[in-house]
């Protein structure tokens, strides 16, 4: 995999910057964020080990040393968000890792995370995707309780437990700028996927903890925070929050109806996944091609194929669990 691309760091709003991670060698696919105030910094999301040099370079570009980082905050422990946490913590001597209580033990001892990835991808692909996932010393890991706050400089960050995508997921509000860091809790919305001026936003229904009713509650809670913007890990600043909220609700209703229909037809295992992939792909076609009158480009097709596959697997897991 290509790892030699230059570091790109761009301002989002006052004191907040997005770092391009080039996850899976794609641009605008997975982001890390830096929040800076009065000489202190927080890193929000780490992506994989391959993003660590870019995060450090981003700090350097902002005139900050590794010692200035007070917190590394993970929205949840899926490896495209947290795989590089152990490696990054070795470079930041003063930082504390902050995450949901359910994720703490997996960062202290990532054995189960590593084993689960190897079961799916094999040893070689695991190393290619993530490098070596390192454990983090227990005394450097702290949990974010629901409604608790942290301070970076004078900036107050409020932490909320919000499920739907994963039980170990937090959402972060920077009160100074009314910016929400949502992880996967306000869907996926690639900047290049637009219909007119509106960005396509859709849920991440990946296995194994997708819960549609909880997801709807989470979207509502985020919308009710009245944020000026929501920063998606996949990807970037989403400023049309109300329109995105409507899209997410519609997608949840579509996804659950499709899963129920296919399960009622008697489809199981890979046949169920394959049917749901067709349903999801058809919805993408409707939302994009149908609305703008032009087919998806090759680049758009390639971008959405991974999400189509992962979301279908998650819906199949959800509907099977619901009926057993």
C-alpha atoms as a PDB file:
ATOM      1  CA  UNK A   1       0.000   0.000   0.000  1.00  0.00           C
ATOM      2  CA  UNK A   2       1.198   3.524  -0.798  1.00  0.00           C
ATOM      3  CA  UNK A   3       2.386   5.333   2.339  1.00  0.00           C
ATOM      4  CA  UNK A   4       4.529   8.201   0.990  1.00  0.00           C
ATOM      5  CA  UNK A   5       1.919  10.885   0.313  1.00  0.00           C
ATOM      6  CA  UNK A   6       2.472  14.295   1.862  1.00  0.00           C
ATOM      7  CA  UNK A   7       0.730  15.335   5.049  1.00  0.00           C
ATOM      8  CA  UNK A   8      -2.347  17.459   4.440  1.00  0.00           C
ATOM      9  CA  UNK A   9      -3.763  19.435   7.357  1.00  0.00           C
ATOM     10  CA  UNK A  10      -6.557  21.954   6.852  1.00  0.00           C
ATOM     11  CA  UNK A  11      -8.383  24.309   9.214  1.00  0.00           C
ATOM     12  CA  UNK A  12     -12.045  23.538   9.896  1.00  0.00           C
ATOM     13  CA  UNK A  13     -12.938  26.346  12.284  1.00  0.00           C
ATOM     14  CA  UNK A  14     -11.308  28.207  15.162  1.00  0.00           C
ATOM     15  CA  UNK A  15      -8.688  25.894  16.674  1.00  0.00           C
ATOM     16  CA  UNK A  16      -9.848  22.726  14.875  1.00  0.00           C
ATOM     17  CA  UNK A  17      -7.933  21.067  12.033  1.00  0.00           C
ATOM     18  CA  UNK A  18      -8.524  17.974   9.915  1.00  0.00           C
ATOM     19  CA  UNK A  19      -5.639  15.612   9.106  1.00  0.00           C
ATOM     20  CA  UNK A  20      -5.871  13.476   5.986  1.00  0.00           C
ATOM     21  CA  UNK A  21      -4.986   9.855   6.870  1.00  0.00           C
ATOM     22  CA  UNK A  22      -5.106   8.341   3.373  1.00  0.00           C
ATOM     23  CA  UNK A  23      -6.838   5.306   4.871  1.00  0.00           C
ATOM     24  CA  UNK A  24      -6.803   2.429   2.339  1.00  0.00           C
ATOM     25  CA  UNK A  25      -4.865   4.838   0.098  1.00  0.00           C
ATOM     26  CA  UNK A  26      -7.952   6.998  -0.424  1.00  0.00           C
ATOM     27  CA  UNK A  27      -8.316  10.717   0.112  1.00  0.00           C
ATOM     28  CA  UNK A  28     -11.338  12.114   1.982  1.00  0.00           C
ATOM     29  CA  UNK A  29     -12.133   8.652   3.324  1.00  0.00           C
ATOM     30  CA  UNK A  30     -11.106   8.722   7.014  1.00  0.00           C
ATOM     31  CA  UNK A  31     -10.046  11.726   9.065  1.00  0.00           C
ATOM     32  CA  UNK A  32      -8.261  12.548  12.284  1.00  0.00           C
ATOM     33  CA  UNK A  33      -8.797  15.884  14.002  1.00  0.00           C
ATOM     34  CA  UNK A  34      -6.583  18.196  16.042  1.00  0.00           C
ATOM     35  CA  UNK A  35      -8.100  20.622  18.539  1.00  0.00           C
ATOM     36  CA  UNK A  36      -5.755  23.336  19.799  1.00  0.00           C
ATOM     37  CA  UNK A  37      -6.180  26.016  22.454  1.00  0.00           C
ATOM     38  CA  UNK A  38      -3.689  28.046  24.493  1.00  0.00           C
ATOM     39  CA  UNK A  39      -0.759  25.781  23.684  1.00  0.00           C
ATOM     40  CA  UNK A  40      -2.572  22.528  24.496  1.00  0.00           C
ATOM     41  CA  UNK A  41      -3.912  20.014  22.006  1.00  0.00           C
ATOM     42  CA  UNK A  42      -6.183  17.003  21.698  1.00  0.00           C
ATOM     43  CA  UNK A  43      -6.100  14.394  18.960  1.00  0.00           C
ATOM     44  CA  UNK A  44      -9.553  13.066  18.093  1.00  0.00           C
ATOM     45  CA  UNK A  45      -9.439   9.696  16.292  1.00  0.00           C
ATOM     46  CA  UNK A  46      -6.133   8.051  15.329  1.00  0.00           C
ATOM     47  CA  UNK A  47      -6.935   5.901  12.294  1.00  0.00           C
ATOM     48  CA  UNK A  48      -4.184   3.253  11.921  1.00  0.00           C
ATOM     49  CA  UNK A  49      -0.463   3.229  12.678  1.00  0.00           C
ATOM     50  CA  UNK A  50       0.152   4.619   9.201  1.00  0.00           C
ATOM     51  CA  UNK A  51      -1.582   7.856  10.197  1.00  0.00           C
ATOM     52  CA  UNK A  52       0.652   8.459  13.214  1.00  0.00           C
ATOM     53  CA  UNK A  53       3.481  10.241  11.307  1.00  0.00           C
ATOM     54  CA  UNK A  54       0.888  12.471   9.647  1.00  0.00           C
ATOM     55  CA  UNK A  55      -0.634  13.421  13.010  1.00  0.00           C
ATOM     56  CA  UNK A  56       2.811  14.246  14.400  1.00  0.00           C
ATOM     57  CA  UNK A  57       3.654  16.225  11.267  1.00  0.00           C
ATOM     58  CA  UNK A  58       0.344  18.058  11.593  1.00  0.00           C
ATOM     59  CA  UNK A  59       1.223  19.078  15.142  1.00  0.00           C
ATOM     60  CA  UNK A  60       4.617  20.274  13.924  1.00  0.00           C
ATOM     61  CA  UNK A  61       2.990  22.334  11.176  1.00  0.00           C
ATOM     62  CA  UNK A  62       0.914  24.042  13.876  1.00  0.00           C
ATOM     63  CA  UNK A  63       4.048  24.799  15.901  1.00  0.00           C
ATOM     64  CA  UNK A  64       3.251  22.230  18.592  1.00  0.00           C
ATOM     65  CA  UNK A  65       5.479  19.580  20.118  1.00  0.00           C
ATOM     66  CA  UNK A  66       4.268  16.066  21.035  1.00  0.00           C
ATOM     67  CA  UNK A  67       4.451  17.161  24.680  1.00  0.00           C
ATOM     68  CA  UNK A  68       1.619  19.662  24.035  1.00  0.00           C
ATOM     69  CA  UNK A  69      -0.948  16.910  23.457  1.00  0.00           C
ATOM     70  CA  UNK A  70      -3.079  16.496  26.571  1.00  0.00           C
ATOM     71  CA  UNK A  71      -5.588  13.941  25.282  1.00  0.00           C
ATOM     72  CA  UNK A  72      -6.051  11.363  22.545  1.00  0.00           C
ATOM     73  CA  UNK A  73      -9.805  10.849  22.280  1.00  0.00           C
ATOM     74  CA  UNK A  74     -11.405   7.893  20.500  1.00  0.00           C
ATOM     75  CA  UNK A  75     -15.060   8.004  19.504  1.00  0.00           C
ATOM     76  CA  UNK A  76     -15.011   4.193  19.499  1.00  0.00           C
ATOM     77  CA  UNK A  77     -12.554   1.338  19.078  1.00  0.00           C
ATOM     78  CA  UNK A  78     -13.217   0.173  15.530  1.00  0.00           C
ATOM     79  CA  UNK A  79      -9.769   0.019  14.021  1.00  0.00           C
ATOM     80  CA  UNK A  80     -10.255   2.672  11.344  1.00  0.00           C
ATOM     81  CA  UNK A  81     -10.756   5.021  14.309  1.00  0.00           C
ATOM     82  CA  UNK A  82      -8.512   3.529  16.979  1.00  0.00           C
ATOM     83  CA  UNK A  83      -5.971   1.167  15.385  1.00  0.00           C
ATOM     84  CA  UNK A  84      -3.113   3.636  15.731  1.00  0.00           C
ATOM     85  CA  UNK A  85      -3.825   4.643  19.336  1.00  0.00           C
ATOM     86  CA  UNK A  86      -1.134   2.482  20.927  1.00  0.00           C
ATOM     87  CA  UNK A  87       1.563   3.611  18.502  1.00  0.00           C
ATOM     88  CA  UNK A  88       0.552   7.264  18.817  1.00  0.00           C
ATOM     89  CA  UNK A  89       0.604   7.152  22.613  1.00  0.00           C
ATOM     90  CA  UNK A  90       4.265   6.087  22.526  1.00  0.00           C
ATOM     91  CA  UNK A  91       5.000   9.404  20.800  1.00  0.00           C
ATOM     92  CA  UNK A  92       2.977  11.657  23.122  1.00  0.00           C
ATOM     93  CA  UNK A  93       4.536  11.499  26.599  1.00  0.00           C
ATOM     94  CA  UNK A  94       1.964  13.680  28.389  1.00  0.00           C
ATOM     95  CA  UNK A  95      -1.232  12.431  26.760  1.00  0.00           C
ATOM     96  CA  UNK A  96      -4.055  10.467  28.318  1.00  0.00           C
ATOM     97  CA  UNK A  97      -6.211   8.209  26.146  1.00  0.00           C
ATOM     98  CA  UNK A  98      -9.932   8.929  26.574  1.00  0.00           C
ATOM     99  CA  UNK A  99     -12.741   6.618  25.426  1.00  0.00           C
ATOM    100  CA  UNK A 100     -16.006   4.936  26.384  1.00  0.00           C
ATOM    101  CA  UNK A 101     -15.778   2.659  29.453  1.00  0.00           C
ATOM    102  CA  UNK A 102     -16.667  -0.376  27.318  1.00  0.00           C
ATOM    103  CA  UNK A 103     -13.561   0.142  25.184  1.00  0.00           C
ATOM    104  CA  UNK A 104     -10.985   0.581  27.933  1.00  0.00           C
ATOM    105  CA  UNK A 105      -9.938  -3.041  28.394  1.00  0.00           C
ATOM    106  CA  UNK A 106      -9.433  -3.511  24.642  1.00  0.00           C
ATOM    107  CA  UNK A 107      -6.938  -0.646  24.469  1.00  0.00           C
ATOM    108  CA  UNK A 108      -5.044  -1.910  27.494  1.00  0.00           C
ATOM    109  CA  UNK A 109      -4.968  -5.419  26.043  1.00  0.00           C
ATOM    110  CA  UNK A 110      -5.828  -5.403  22.310  1.00  0.00           C
ATOM    111  CA  UNK A 111      -5.436  -9.179  21.917  1.00  0.00           C
ATOM    112  CA  UNK A 112      -9.112  -9.810  21.113  1.00  0.00           C
ATOM    113  CA  UNK A 113      -9.200  -6.942  18.617  1.00  0.00           C
ATOM    114  CA  UNK A 114      -6.148  -8.320  16.857  1.00  0.00           C
ATOM    115  CA  UNK A 115      -7.468 -11.881  16.827  1.00  0.00           C
ATOM    116  CA  UNK A 116     -10.810 -10.815  15.383  1.00  0.00           C
ATOM    117  CA  UNK A 117      -9.120  -8.940  12.542  1.00  0.00           C
ATOM    118  CA  UNK A 118      -6.797 -11.841  11.796  1.00  0.00           C
ATOM    119  CA  UNK A 119      -9.767 -14.217  11.655  1.00  0.00           C
ATOM    120  CA  UNK A 120     -11.342 -12.095   8.939  1.00  0.00           C
ATOM    121  CA  UNK A 121      -8.268 -10.980   6.963  1.00  0.00           C
ATOM    122  CA  UNK A 122      -5.409 -13.317   7.899  1.00  0.00           C
ATOM    123  CA  UNK A 123      -2.024 -12.428   9.374  1.00  0.00           C
ATOM    124  CA  UNK A 124      -0.505 -10.819   6.287  1.00  0.00           C
ATOM    125  CA  UNK A 125      -3.486  -8.592   5.504  1.00  0.00           C
ATOM    126  CA  UNK A 126      -3.766  -7.573   9.173  1.00  0.00           C
ATOM    127  CA  UNK A 127      -0.158  -6.337   9.105  1.00  0.00           C
ATOM    128  CA  UNK A 128      -0.709  -4.590   5.782  1.00  0.00           C
ATOM    129  CA  UNK A 129      -3.831  -2.781   6.992  1.00  0.00           C
ATOM    130  CA  UNK A 130      -2.850  -1.919  10.561  1.00  0.00           C
ATOM    131  CA  UNK A 131       0.784  -2.726  11.353  1.00  0.00           C
ATOM    132  CA  UNK A 132       1.209  -3.842  14.979  1.00  0.00           C
ATOM    133  CA  UNK A 133      -1.552  -2.712  17.343  1.00  0.00           C
ATOM    134  CA  UNK A 134       0.168  -1.855  20.609  1.00  0.00           C
ATOM    135  CA  UNK A 135      -1.229  -2.055  24.166  1.00  0.00           C
ATOM    136  CA  UNK A 136      -1.513   1.104  26.249  1.00  0.00           C
ATOM    137  CA  UNK A 137      -0.530   1.274  29.915  1.00  0.00           C
ATOM    138  CA  UNK A 138      -3.542   1.174  32.225  1.00  0.00           C
ATOM    139  CA  UNK A 139      -2.560   4.371  34.025  1.00  0.00           C
ATOM    140  CA  UNK A 140      -2.650   6.274  30.729  1.00  0.00           C
ATOM    141  CA  UNK A 141      -6.241   5.294  29.873  1.00  0.00           C
ATOM    142  CA  UNK A 142      -9.240   7.135  31.298  1.00  0.00           C
ATOM    143  CA  UNK A 143     -12.917   6.723  30.560  1.00  0.00           C
ATOM    144  CA  UNK A 144     -15.405   9.370  29.478  1.00  0.00           C
ATOM    145  CA  UNK A 145     -18.582   9.151  31.503  1.00  0.00           C
ATOM    146  CA  UNK A 146     -21.832  10.295  29.913  1.00  0.00           C
ATOM    147  CA  UNK A 147     -22.148  14.066  30.339  1.00  0.00           C
ATOM    148  CA  UNK A 148     -18.588  14.513  31.612  1.00  0.00           C
ATOM    149  CA  UNK A 149     -16.244  17.271  30.456  1.00  0.00           C
ATOM    150  CA  UNK A 150     -12.573  17.676  29.605  1.00  0.00           C
ATOM    151  CA  UNK A 151     -10.657  20.903  29.096  1.00  0.00           C
ATOM    152  CA  UNK A 152      -8.072  21.588  26.416  1.00  0.00           C
ATOM    153  CA  UNK A 153      -6.722  25.036  27.174  1.00  0.00           C
ATOM    154  CA  UNK A 154      -9.901  26.977  27.908  1.00  0.00           C
ATOM    155  CA  UNK A 155     -12.017  24.786  25.598  1.00  0.00           C
ATOM    156  CA  UNK A 156     -14.621  22.584  27.271  1.00  0.00           C
ATOM    157  CA  UNK A 157     -15.344  19.273  25.536  1.00  0.00           C
ATOM    158  CA  UNK A 158     -18.535  17.494  26.621  1.00  0.00           C
ATOM    159  CA  UNK A 159     -18.729  13.717  26.221  1.00  0.00           C
ATOM    160  CA  UNK A 160     -21.928  11.806  25.540  1.00  0.00           C
ATOM    161  CA  UNK A 161     -22.573   8.069  25.392  1.00  0.00           C
ATOM    162  CA  UNK A 162     -24.587   7.406  22.232  1.00  0.00           C
ATOM    163  CA  UNK A 163     -25.312   3.941  20.848  1.00  0.00           C
ATOM    164  CA  UNK A 164     -26.738   2.724  17.559  1.00  0.00           C
ATOM    165  CA  UNK A 165     -23.514   2.223  15.631  1.00  0.00           C
ATOM    166  CA  UNK A 166     -21.623   0.687  18.562  1.00  0.00           C
ATOM    167  CA  UNK A 167     -22.276   0.324  22.286  1.00  0.00           C
ATOM    168  CA  UNK A 168     -18.805   1.706  23.032  1.00  0.00           C
ATOM    169  CA  UNK A 169     -19.307   4.973  21.122  1.00  0.00           C
ATOM    170  CA  UNK A 170     -19.030   8.519  22.439  1.00  0.00           C
ATOM    171  CA  UNK A 171     -19.924  11.819  20.788  1.00  0.00           C
ATOM    172  CA  UNK A 172     -17.904  14.947  21.609  1.00  0.00           C
ATOM    173  CA  UNK A 173     -19.129  18.552  21.684  1.00  0.00           C
ATOM    174  CA  UNK A 174     -16.685  21.461  21.584  1.00  0.00           C
ATOM    175  CA  UNK A 175     -18.742  24.082  23.391  1.00  0.00           C
ATOM    176  CA  UNK A 176     -16.653  27.014  22.138  1.00  0.00           C
ATOM    177  CA  UNK A 177     -17.515  26.456  18.482  1.00  0.00           C
ATOM    178  CA  UNK A 178     -20.640  24.258  18.877  1.00  0.00           C
ATOM    179  CA  UNK A 179     -18.812  21.609  16.841  1.00  0.00           C
ATOM    180  CA  UNK A 180     -19.718  17.945  17.258  1.00  0.00           C
ATOM    181  CA  UNK A 181     -17.186  15.172  16.601  1.00  0.00           C
ATOM    182  CA  UNK A 182     -19.503  12.313  15.706  1.00  0.00           C
ATOM    183  CA  UNK A 183     -17.233   9.411  14.734  1.00  0.00           C
ATOM    184  CA  UNK A 184     -19.775   7.157  12.981  1.00  0.00           C
ATOM    185  CA  UNK A 185     -22.706   8.422  15.067  1.00  0.00           C
ATOM    186  CA  UNK A 186     -24.041  10.808  12.415  1.00  0.00           C
ATOM    187  CA  UNK A 187     -23.470   8.607   9.422  1.00  0.00           C
ATOM    188  CA  UNK A 188     -21.033   8.662   6.544  1.00  0.00           C
ATOM    189  CA  UNK A 189     -20.849  11.531   4.089  1.00  0.00           C
ATOM    190  CA  UNK A 190     -17.997  11.759   1.621  1.00  0.00           C
ATOM    191  CA  UNK A 191     -17.407  15.329   0.376  1.00  0.00           C
ATOM    192  CA  UNK A 192     -17.249  14.168  -3.255  1.00  0.00           C
ATOM    193  CA  UNK A 193     -20.662  12.455  -3.095  1.00  0.00           C
ATOM    194  CA  UNK A 194     -23.107  15.251  -3.812  1.00  0.00           C
ATOM    195  CA  UNK A 195     -26.460  15.648  -5.480  1.00  0.00           C
ATOM    196  CA  UNK A 196     -26.549  19.301  -6.420  1.00  0.00           C
ATOM    197  CA  UNK A 197     -25.469  21.205  -3.311  1.00  0.00           C
ATOM    198  CA  UNK A 198     -26.527  18.435  -0.925  1.00  0.00           C
ATOM    199  CA  UNK A 199     -24.058  15.861   0.311  1.00  0.00           C
ATOM    200  CA  UNK A 200     -25.214  12.239   0.385  1.00  0.00           C
ATOM    201  CA  UNK A 201     -25.282  11.094   4.013  1.00  0.00           C
ATOM    202  CA  UNK A 202     -26.128   7.531   5.041  1.00  0.00           C
ATOM    203  CA  UNK A 203     -25.799   5.392   8.201  1.00  0.00           C
ATOM    204  CA  UNK A 204     -23.037   2.969   8.978  1.00  0.00           C
ATOM    205  CA  UNK A 205     -24.902  -0.259   9.789  1.00  0.00           C
ATOM    206  CA  UNK A 206     -21.778  -2.380  10.158  1.00  0.00           C
ATOM    207  CA  UNK A 207     -21.756  -5.504  12.337  1.00  0.00           C
ATOM    208  CA  UNK A 208     -22.122  -6.365  15.122  1.00  0.00           C
ATOM    209  CA  UNK A 209     -23.748  -3.681  17.265  1.00  0.00           C
ATOM    210  CA  UNK A 210     -26.011  -1.806  14.846  1.00  0.00           C
ATOM    211  CA  UNK A 211     -29.319  -0.996  16.553  1.00  0.00           C
ATOM    212  CA  UNK A 212     -31.716   1.069  14.405  1.00  0.00           C
ATOM    213  CA  UNK A 213     -33.838   2.444  17.238  1.00  0.00           C
ATOM    214  CA  UNK A 214     -30.758   3.527  19.163  1.00  0.00           C
ATOM    215  CA  UNK A 215     -29.293   5.038  15.994  1.00  0.00           C
ATOM    216  CA  UNK A 216     -32.419   7.146  15.523  1.00  0.00           C
ATOM    217  CA  UNK A 217     -32.179   8.335  19.135  1.00  0.00           C
ATOM    218  CA  UNK A 218     -28.535   9.241  18.594  1.00  0.00           C
ATOM    219  CA  UNK A 219     -29.213  11.217  15.406  1.00  0.00           C
ATOM    220  CA  UNK A 220     -31.965  13.105  17.247  1.00  0.00           C
ATOM    221  CA  UNK A 221     -29.734  13.872  20.238  1.00  0.00           C
ATOM    222  CA  UNK A 222     -27.004  15.227  17.973  1.00  0.00           C
ATOM    223  CA  UNK A 223     -29.454  17.367  16.002  1.00  0.00           C
ATOM    224  CA  UNK A 224     -30.877  18.710  19.268  1.00  0.00           C
ATOM    225  CA  UNK A 225     -27.418  19.906  20.305  1.00  0.00           C
ATOM    226  CA  UNK A 226     -27.876  22.498  17.508  1.00  0.00           C
ATOM    227  CA  UNK A 227     -24.291  22.169  16.281  1.00  0.00           C
ATOM    228  CA  UNK A 228     -22.857  24.620  13.783  1.00  0.00           C
ATOM    229  CA  UNK A 229     -21.192  21.637  12.164  1.00  0.00           C
ATOM    230  CA  UNK A 230     -20.768  17.895  12.647  1.00  0.00           C
ATOM    231  CA  UNK A 231     -17.297  16.526  11.961  1.00  0.00           C
ATOM    232  CA  UNK A 232     -17.554  13.071  10.456  1.00  0.00           C
ATOM    233  CA  UNK A 233     -14.644  10.679  10.616  1.00  0.00           C
ATOM    234  CA  UNK A 234     -15.831   9.623   7.150  1.00  0.00           C
ATOM    235  CA  UNK A 235     -15.424  12.530   6.227  1.00  0.00           C
ATOM    236  CA  UNK A 236     -15.024  16.148   7.174  1.00  0.00           C
ATOM    237  CA  UNK A 237     -17.307  19.027   8.130  1.00  0.00           C
ATOM    238  CA  UNK A 238     -21.029  18.546   7.634  1.00  0.00           C
ATOM    239  CA  UNK A 239     -22.784  21.893   8.031  1.00  0.00           C
ATOM    240  CA  UNK A 240     -26.266  21.146   6.701  1.00  0.00           C
ATOM    241  CA  UNK A 241     -27.170  19.255   9.858  1.00  0.00           C
ATOM    242  CA  UNK A 242     -30.964  19.303   9.505  1.00  0.00           C
ATOM    243  CA  UNK A 243     -30.941  17.999   5.930  1.00  0.00           C
ATOM    244  CA  UNK A 244     -28.482  15.288   6.913  1.00  0.00           C
ATOM    245  CA  UNK A 245     -30.666  14.289   9.866  1.00  0.00           C
ATOM    246  CA  UNK A 246     -33.611  13.788   7.498  1.00  0.00           C
ATOM    247  CA  UNK A 247     -31.477  11.672   5.164  1.00  0.00           C
ATOM    248  CA  UNK A 248     -30.267   9.491   8.035  1.00  0.00           C
ATOM    249  CA  UNK A 249     -33.781   8.844   9.316  1.00  0.00           C
ATOM    250  CA  UNK A 250     -34.977   7.905   5.838  1.00  0.00           C
ATOM    251  CA  UNK A 251     -32.053   5.546   5.341  1.00  0.00           C
ATOM    252  CA  UNK A 252     -32.694   3.786   8.662  1.00  0.00           C
ATOM    253  CA  UNK A 253     -36.314   3.176   7.712  1.00  0.00           C
ATOM    254  CA  UNK A 254     -35.253   1.889   4.293  1.00  0.00           C
ATOM    255  CA  UNK A 255     -32.566  -0.409   5.755  1.00  0.00           C
ATOM    256  CA  UNK A 256     -34.749  -2.003   8.399  1.00  0.00           C
ATOM    257  CA  UNK A 257     -37.618  -2.516   5.941  1.00  0.00           C
ATOM    258  CA  UNK A 258     -35.259  -4.153   3.428  1.00  0.00           C
ATOM    259  CA  UNK A 259     -33.807  -6.452   6.087  1.00  0.00           C
ATOM    260  CA  UNK A 260     -37.253  -7.488   7.312  1.00  0.00           C
ATOM    261  CA  UNK A 261     -38.472  -8.148   3.763  1.00  0.00           C
ATOM    262  CA  UNK A 262     -35.499 -10.273   2.763  1.00  0.00           C
ATOM    263  CA  UNK A 263     -35.587 -12.266   6.008  1.00  0.00           C
ATOM    264  CA  UNK A 264     -39.319 -12.900   5.551  1.00  0.00           C
ATOM    265  CA  UNK A 265     -38.532 -14.250   2.077  1.00  0.00           C
ATOM    266  CA  UNK A 266     -36.505 -16.977   3.772  1.00  0.00           C
ATOM    267  CA  UNK A 267     -33.055 -15.724   2.819  1.00  0.00           C
ATOM    268  CA  UNK A 268     -30.247 -16.553   5.227  1.00  0.00           C
ATOM    269  CA  UNK A 269     -26.474 -16.253   5.534  1.00  0.00           C
ATOM    270  CA  UNK A 270     -24.679 -15.242   2.299  1.00  0.00           C
ATOM    271  CA  UNK A 271     -27.897 -15.194   0.250  1.00  0.00           C
ATOM    272  CA  UNK A 272     -29.304 -12.653   2.697  1.00  0.00           C
ATOM    273  CA  UNK A 273     -26.160 -10.523   2.545  1.00  0.00           C
ATOM    274  CA  UNK A 274     -26.123 -10.630  -1.260  1.00  0.00           C
ATOM    275  CA  UNK A 275     -29.777  -9.590  -1.506  1.00  0.00           C
ATOM    276  CA  UNK A 276     -29.231  -6.715   0.922  1.00  0.00           C
ATOM    277  CA  UNK A 277     -26.194  -5.570  -1.063  1.00  0.00           C
ATOM    278  CA  UNK A 278     -28.435  -5.305  -4.123  1.00  0.00           C
ATOM    279  CA  UNK A 279     -31.026  -3.389  -2.118  1.00  0.00           C
ATOM    280  CA  UNK A 280     -28.487  -0.929  -0.732  1.00  0.00           C
ATOM    281  CA  UNK A 281     -26.857  -0.456  -4.110  1.00  0.00           C
ATOM    282  CA  UNK A 282     -30.244   0.187  -5.650  1.00  0.00           C
ATOM    283  CA  UNK A 283     -30.892   2.854  -3.022  1.00  0.00           C
ATOM    284  CA  UNK A 284     -27.569   4.532  -3.772  1.00  0.00           C
ATOM    285  CA  UNK A 285     -28.504   4.521  -7.455  1.00  0.00           C
ATOM    286  CA  UNK A 286     -31.848   6.089  -6.629  1.00  0.00           C
ATOM    287  CA  UNK A 287     -30.412   8.701  -4.294  1.00  0.00           C
ATOM    288  CA  UNK A 288     -27.590   9.757  -6.616  1.00  0.00           C
ATOM    289  CA  UNK A 289     -28.158   8.721 -10.219  1.00  0.00           C
ATOM    290  CA  UNK A 290     -31.925   9.067 -10.059  1.00  0.00           C
ATOM    291  CA  UNK A 291     -31.764  12.522  -8.515  1.00  0.00           C
ATOM    292  CA  UNK A 292     -29.162  14.046 -10.798  1.00  0.00           C
ATOM    293  CA  UNK A 293     -29.909  12.075 -13.974  1.00  0.00           C
ATOM    294  CA  UNK A 294     -26.380  10.773 -14.504  1.00  0.00           C
ATOM    295  CA  UNK A 295     -24.858   7.400 -13.582  1.00  0.00           C
ATOM    296  CA  UNK A 296     -22.317   6.901 -10.834  1.00  0.00           C
ATOM    297  CA  UNK A 297     -18.752   7.385 -11.997  1.00  0.00           C
ATOM    298  CA  UNK A 298     -16.190   4.623 -11.626  1.00  0.00           C
ATOM    299  CA  UNK A 299     -14.642   6.515  -8.700  1.00  0.00           C
ATOM    300  CA  UNK A 300     -18.030   6.875  -6.983  1.00  0.00           C
ATOM    301  CA  UNK A 301     -18.817   3.221  -7.539  1.00  0.00           C
ATOM    302  CA  UNK A 302     -15.491   2.125  -6.069  1.00  0.00           C
ATOM    303  CA  UNK A 303     -15.967   4.435  -3.080  1.00  0.00           C
ATOM    304  CA  UNK A 304     -19.411   3.077  -2.198  1.00  0.00           C
ATOM    305  CA  UNK A 305     -18.712  -0.629  -2.798  1.00  0.00           C
ATOM    306  CA  UNK A 306     -17.019  -1.105   0.580  1.00  0.00           C
ATOM    307  CA  UNK A 307     -19.841   0.582   2.481  1.00  0.00           C
ATOM    308  CA  UNK A 308     -22.427  -1.412   0.550  1.00  0.00           C
ATOM    309  CA  UNK A 309     -20.773  -4.676   1.545  1.00  0.00           C
ATOM    310  CA  UNK A 310     -20.187  -3.751   5.203  1.00  0.00           C
ATOM    311  CA  UNK A 311     -23.660  -2.297   5.675  1.00  0.00           C
ATOM    312  CA  UNK A 312     -25.287  -5.390   4.142  1.00  0.00           C
ATOM    313  CA  UNK A 313     -23.342  -7.627   6.519  1.00  0.00           C
ATOM    314  CA  UNK A 314     -24.448  -5.505   9.474  1.00  0.00           C
ATOM    315  CA  UNK A 315     -28.106  -5.558   8.438  1.00  0.00           C
ATOM    316  CA  UNK A 316     -28.006  -9.321   7.973  1.00  0.00           C
ATOM    317  CA  UNK A 317     -26.500  -9.746  11.435  1.00  0.00           C
ATOM    318  CA  UNK A 318     -29.096  -7.393  12.943  1.00  0.00           C
ATOM    319  CA  UNK A 319     -32.139  -9.072  11.433  1.00  0.00           C
ATOM    320  CA  UNK A 320     -30.891 -12.567  12.262  1.00  0.00           C
ATOM    321  CA  UNK A 321     -30.272 -11.567  15.893  1.00  0.00           C
ATOM    322  CA  UNK A 322     -33.695  -9.904  16.055  1.00  0.00           C
ATOM    323  CA  UNK A 323     -35.402 -13.139  14.980  1.00  0.00           C
ATOM    324  CA  UNK A 324     -33.461 -15.652  17.088  1.00  0.00           C
END
